C-alpha cells in the first residue's frame, strides 16, 4: 500500500511538469494579445516550455538513478 507522502510526491511532480509547459505558453499568449504579435509569442513560449520540460525530465532521471544507486549500495 502506498503512503500519502508518495502520492503527494507524484502529484507535485505532475504539477511541476504541467507548469513547465503551461506558464511559458500562457505568457506567450499574453504577449501576443498585448503586442498583437500572434502567433509568435505562443510559439516562442512553447519552445521555451519544451526546453524547460526536457531539462526537468533529465534532472528527474538523474536523481532517480542516483537514488537507485544508493539503494543498491545499501543492499550490499
Protein backbone atom coordinates (compact mmCIF):
# COMPACT_ATOMS: atom_id res chain seq x y z
CA UNK A 1 0.00 0.00 0.00
CA UNK A 2 1.29 3.41 -0.93
CA UNK A 3 1.62 6.10 1.66
CA UNK A 4 0.02 9.54 1.22
CA UNK A 5 3.53 11.06 1.14
CA UNK A 6 4.27 9.07 -2.03
CA UNK A 7 1.07 10.30 -3.65
CA UNK A 8 1.93 13.87 -2.72
CA UNK A 9 5.40 13.48 -4.24
CA UNK A 10 3.99 12.25 -7.55
CA UNK A 11 1.21 14.83 -7.57
CA UNK A 12 3.77 17.58 -7.03
CA UNK A 13 5.92 16.17 -9.82
CA UNK A 14 2.96 16.12 -12.20
CA UNK A 15 2.04 19.69 -11.32
CA UNK A 16 5.64 20.79 -11.86
CA UNK A 17 5.76 19.16 -15.29
CA UNK A 18 2.42 20.71 -16.27
CA UNK A 19 3.56 24.14 -15.10
CA UNK A 20 6.72 23.96 -17.22
CA UNK A 21 4.51 23.87 -20.30
CA UNK A 22 1.51 25.97 -19.27
CA UNK A 23 3.30 29.02 -17.83
CA UNK A 24 5.58 29.85 -20.82
CA UNK A 25 2.77 29.28 -23.32
CA UNK A 26 0.43 31.43 -21.22
CA UNK A 27 3.00 34.20 -21.04
CA UNK A 28 3.44 33.96 -24.80
CA UNK A 29 -0.31 34.30 -25.22
CA UNK A 30 -0.33 37.41 -23.02
CA UNK A 31 2.49 38.89 -25.12
CA UNK A 32 0.56 38.09 -28.30
CA UNK A 33 -2.57 39.79 -27.01
CA UNK A 34 -0.72 42.83 -25.63
CA UNK A 35 1.55 43.45 -28.64
CA UNK A 36 -0.71 41.90 -31.34
CA UNK A 37 2.10 39.56 -32.49
CA UNK A 38 0.07 36.38 -32.85
CA UNK A 39 1.23 33.51 -33.09
CA UNK A 40 4.89 34.29 -32.38
CA UNK A 41 4.59 34.74 -28.61
CA UNK A 42 2.84 31.40 -28.18
CA UNK A 43 5.39 29.67 -30.43
CA UNK A 44 8.35 31.12 -28.53
CA UNK A 45 6.63 30.25 -25.24
CA UNK A 46 6.08 26.69 -26.45
CA UNK A 47 9.74 26.34 -27.45
CA UNK A 48 10.89 27.62 -24.06
CA UNK A 49 8.37 25.40 -22.29
CA UNK A 50 9.55 22.30 -24.15
CA UNK A 51 13.16 23.16 -23.38
CA UNK A 52 12.37 23.56 -19.68
CA UNK A 53 10.33 20.34 -19.80
CA UNK A 54 13.24 18.29 -21.18
CA UNK A 55 15.64 19.86 -18.67
CA UNK A 56 13.28 18.86 -15.86
CA UNK A 57 12.90 15.30 -17.21
CA UNK A 58 16.68 14.83 -17.40
CA UNK A 59 17.06 16.18 -13.85
CA UNK A 60 14.38 13.77 -12.59
CA UNK A 61 16.03 10.84 -14.37
CA UNK A 62 19.43 11.77 -12.92
CA UNK A 63 18.00 12.00 -9.39
CA UNK A 64 16.18 8.69 -9.85
CA UNK A 65 19.34 6.92 -10.99
CA UNK A 66 21.30 8.41 -8.10
CA UNK A 67 18.70 7.20 -5.57
CA UNK A 68 18.56 3.79 -7.23
CA UNK A 69 22.37 3.50 -6.99
CA UNK A 70 22.30 4.44 -3.29
CA UNK A 71 19.58 1.87 -2.70
CA UNK A 72 21.66 -0.85 -4.34
CA UNK A 73 24.71 0.06 -2.24
CA UNK A 74 22.67 -0.29 0.95
CA UNK A 75 21.63 -3.82 -0.03
CA UNK A 76 25.23 -4.99 -0.46
